[in-house]
Amino acid sequence: MNAASLMKPDPITLSPDDSISTAAKFIMANRYRSLPVVDADGCFLGVFGVNCLLKQVLPKAALMDDGLTNVSFIHETLSDLKERFREVENESISMCMQRDIRTLPPDTPLIETLHTLYNNRASIPVVEEGSCKLLGMISYWNVGEKILSA
């Protein structure tokens, strides 16, 4: 058994030109944590997910690397957060998609695949070796179903 046998082939994908609003609506409606982003040729570019959405609505002071460790004094409303979202909703998802994603080739052995899933704590793209073509995604759900049905 290998990565190809665990993956969900032909996953739902986003385009780097999709708007943050379009992607957010799709992610929220389907309760996805993230979705792969591919170009017109099916080349894997990265993922867009809920962390990007949070980054867009949080106050900048809360996101500073060496800044605040306690943000309890910042008092904002859901309306404040929605207004921040409106400022970026028409931007393309390429502005904040995560590009440094670990991928696996389809022939990666079972235990190595599970170990990678465990360490990444996120779904793993399966990418054709020697190209960038996205073949599928491996999620905890795919693995759980396979193990329970074995």
Protein backbone atom coordinates (compact mmCIF):
# COMPACT_ATOMS: atom_id res chain seq x y z
CA MET A 1 0.00 0.00 0.00
CA ASN A 2 1.21 3.51 -0.81
CA ALA A 3 0.13 7.16 -0.98
CA ALA A 4 -1.84 6.60 -4.21
CA SER A 5 -3.97 3.94 -2.53
CA LEU A 6 -4.84 6.32 0.34
CA MET A 7 -5.53 9.50 -1.61
CA LYS A 8 -8.80 10.92 -2.82
CA PRO A 9 -8.16 11.36 -6.55
CA ASP A 10 -9.18 14.48 -8.46
CA PRO A 11 -9.85 16.68 -5.41
CA ILE A 12 -11.81 19.91 -5.51
CA THR A 13 -9.34 22.69 -6.25
CA LEU A 14 -9.12 26.44 -6.40
CA SER A 15 -7.42 28.64 -8.99
CA PRO A 16 -4.85 31.24 -7.88
CA ASP A 17 -7.07 33.86 -9.51
CA ASP A 18 -10.14 32.97 -7.41
CA SER A 19 -11.18 35.74 -5.07
CA ILE A 20 -10.82 35.42 -1.32
CA SER A 21 -14.59 35.85 -1.06
CA THR A 22 -15.33 33.01 -3.49
CA ALA A 23 -12.86 30.69 -1.78
CA ALA A 24 -14.12 31.62 1.70
CA LYS A 25 -17.74 30.91 0.76
CA PHE A 26 -16.78 27.53 -0.68
CA ILE A 27 -14.60 26.56 2.28
CA MET A 28 -17.22 27.61 4.82
CA ALA A 29 -20.14 25.97 3.00
CA ASN A 30 -18.28 22.65 2.81
CA ARG A 31 -16.44 22.95 6.15
CA TYR A 32 -13.01 22.43 4.63
CA ARG A 33 -9.90 23.54 6.51
CA SER A 34 -8.07 24.13 3.24
CA LEU A 35 -8.17 23.39 -0.47
CA PRO A 36 -5.36 22.82 -2.96
CA VAL A 37 -4.63 25.55 -5.49
CA VAL A 38 -3.67 24.56 -9.03
CA ASP A 39 -3.00 26.43 -12.25
CA ALA A 40 -4.85 25.87 -15.54
CA ASP A 41 -2.64 22.83 -16.29
CA GLY A 42 -3.35 21.15 -12.95
CA CYS A 43 0.04 22.06 -11.52
CA PHE A 44 -0.01 22.18 -7.71
CA LEU A 45 0.82 25.67 -6.40
CA GLY A 46 -0.13 25.53 -2.72
CA VAL A 47 -3.18 25.59 -0.46
CA PHE A 48 -5.67 28.20 0.62
CA GLY A 49 -7.37 27.75 3.96
CA VAL A 50 -9.03 29.11 7.02
CA ASN A 51 -5.73 30.35 8.49
CA CYS A 52 -5.46 32.79 5.59
CA LEU A 53 -8.99 33.97 6.33
CA LEU A 54 -8.13 34.52 9.99
CA LYS A 55 -4.98 36.39 9.03
CA GLN A 56 -7.05 38.79 6.94
CA VAL A 57 -9.47 39.70 9.73
CA LEU A 58 -7.24 39.78 12.80
CA PRO A 59 -5.83 43.16 13.87
CA LYS A 60 -2.29 43.63 12.56
CA ALA A 61 -0.99 44.04 16.13
CA ALA A 62 -2.10 40.47 16.88
CA LEU A 63 -0.03 39.14 13.99
CA MET A 64 3.33 40.76 14.72
CA ASP A 65 6.09 38.13 14.97
CA ASP A 66 7.93 39.67 17.89
CA GLY A 67 5.07 41.81 19.08
CA LEU A 68 2.21 41.21 21.41
CA THR A 69 1.93 38.03 23.41
CA ASN A 70 -1.34 39.06 25.02
CA VAL A 71 -4.09 40.61 22.90
CA SER A 72 -6.87 40.50 25.50
CA PHE A 73 -6.95 44.30 25.67
CA ILE A 74 -8.02 44.56 22.00
CA HIS A 75 -11.78 44.86 21.90
CA GLU A 76 -13.32 44.41 18.50
CA THR A 77 -16.69 43.23 17.27
CA LEU A 78 -17.70 40.80 14.56
CA SER A 79 -18.63 43.87 12.52
CA ASP A 80 -15.04 45.11 12.80
CA LEU A 81 -13.77 41.78 11.54
CA LYS A 82 -16.30 41.73 8.70
CA GLU A 83 -15.17 45.21 7.64
CA ARG A 84 -11.57 44.00 7.48
CA PHE A 85 -12.74 41.05 5.38
CA ARG A 86 -14.53 43.40 2.97
CA GLU A 87 -11.24 45.22 2.38
CA VAL A 88 -9.65 42.06 0.91
CA GLU A 89 -12.57 39.93 -0.31
CA ASN A 90 -11.98 40.78 -3.98
CA GLU A 91 -8.23 40.10 -3.85
CA SER A 92 -7.01 36.84 -5.39
CA ILE A 93 -6.19 33.98 -3.08
CA SER A 94 -2.63 34.00 -4.40
CA MET A 95 -1.94 36.90 -2.01
CA CYS A 96 -1.97 34.62 0.99
CA MET A 97 -2.07 31.01 -0.09
CA GLN A 98 0.49 28.77 1.58
CA ARG A 99 3.12 27.70 -0.94
CA ASP A 100 5.59 25.76 1.21
CA ILE A 101 3.51 22.60 1.44
CA ARG A 102 5.03 19.15 1.78
CA THR A 103 3.91 16.90 -1.06
CA LEU A 104 4.34 13.19 -1.63
CA PRO A 105 4.81 11.16 -4.80
CA PRO A 106 2.15 8.48 -5.34
CA ASP A 107 4.53 5.58 -4.65
CA THR A 108 5.43 6.74 -1.11
CA PRO A 109 5.11 3.70 1.21
CA LEU A 110 2.17 3.46 3.63
CA ILE A 111 4.02 4.09 6.92
CA GLU A 112 6.04 6.98 5.49
CA THR A 113 2.78 8.50 4.20
CA LEU A 114 1.09 8.15 7.60
CA HIS A 115 4.14 9.53 9.38
CA THR A 116 4.12 12.57 7.09
CA LEU A 117 0.39 13.08 7.68
CA TYR A 118 0.95 12.86 11.42
CA ASN A 119 3.83 15.36 11.37
CA ASN A 120 2.14 17.82 9.00
CA ARG A 121 -1.18 17.81 10.85
CA ALA A 122 -2.86 18.72 7.59
CA SER A 123 -3.97 17.01 4.40
CA ILE A 124 -1.14 16.08 2.05
CA PRO A 125 -1.10 16.69 -1.69
CA VAL A 126 0.00 13.76 -3.84
CA VAL A 127 1.93 15.13 -6.79
CA GLU A 128 3.14 13.26 -9.86
CA GLU A 129 6.86 12.62 -9.65
CA GLY A 130 8.84 14.62 -12.21
CA SER A 131 6.03 17.12 -12.70
CA CYS A 132 3.86 19.34 -10.58
CA LYS A 133 0.51 17.69 -11.47
CA LEU A 134 -1.80 17.24 -8.49
CA LEU A 135 -3.08 13.66 -8.46
CA GLY A 136 -5.01 13.69 -5.20
CA MET A 137 -5.12 14.60 -1.53
CA ILE A 138 -4.69 12.46 1.57
CA SER A 139 -6.68 13.51 4.62
CA TYR A 140 -7.15 12.01 8.06
CA TRP A 141 -10.62 11.00 6.88
CA ASN A 142 -9.26 9.04 3.90
CA VAL A 143 -6.82 7.20 6.14
CA GLY A 144 -9.41 6.55 8.85
CA GLU A 145 -11.85 5.07 6.34
CA LYS A 146 -9.15 2.80 4.87
CA ILE A 147 -8.01 1.55 8.27
CA LEU A 148 -11.54 0.92 9.57
CA SER A 149 -12.57 -0.92 6.41
CA ALA A 150 -9.44 -3.14 6.29
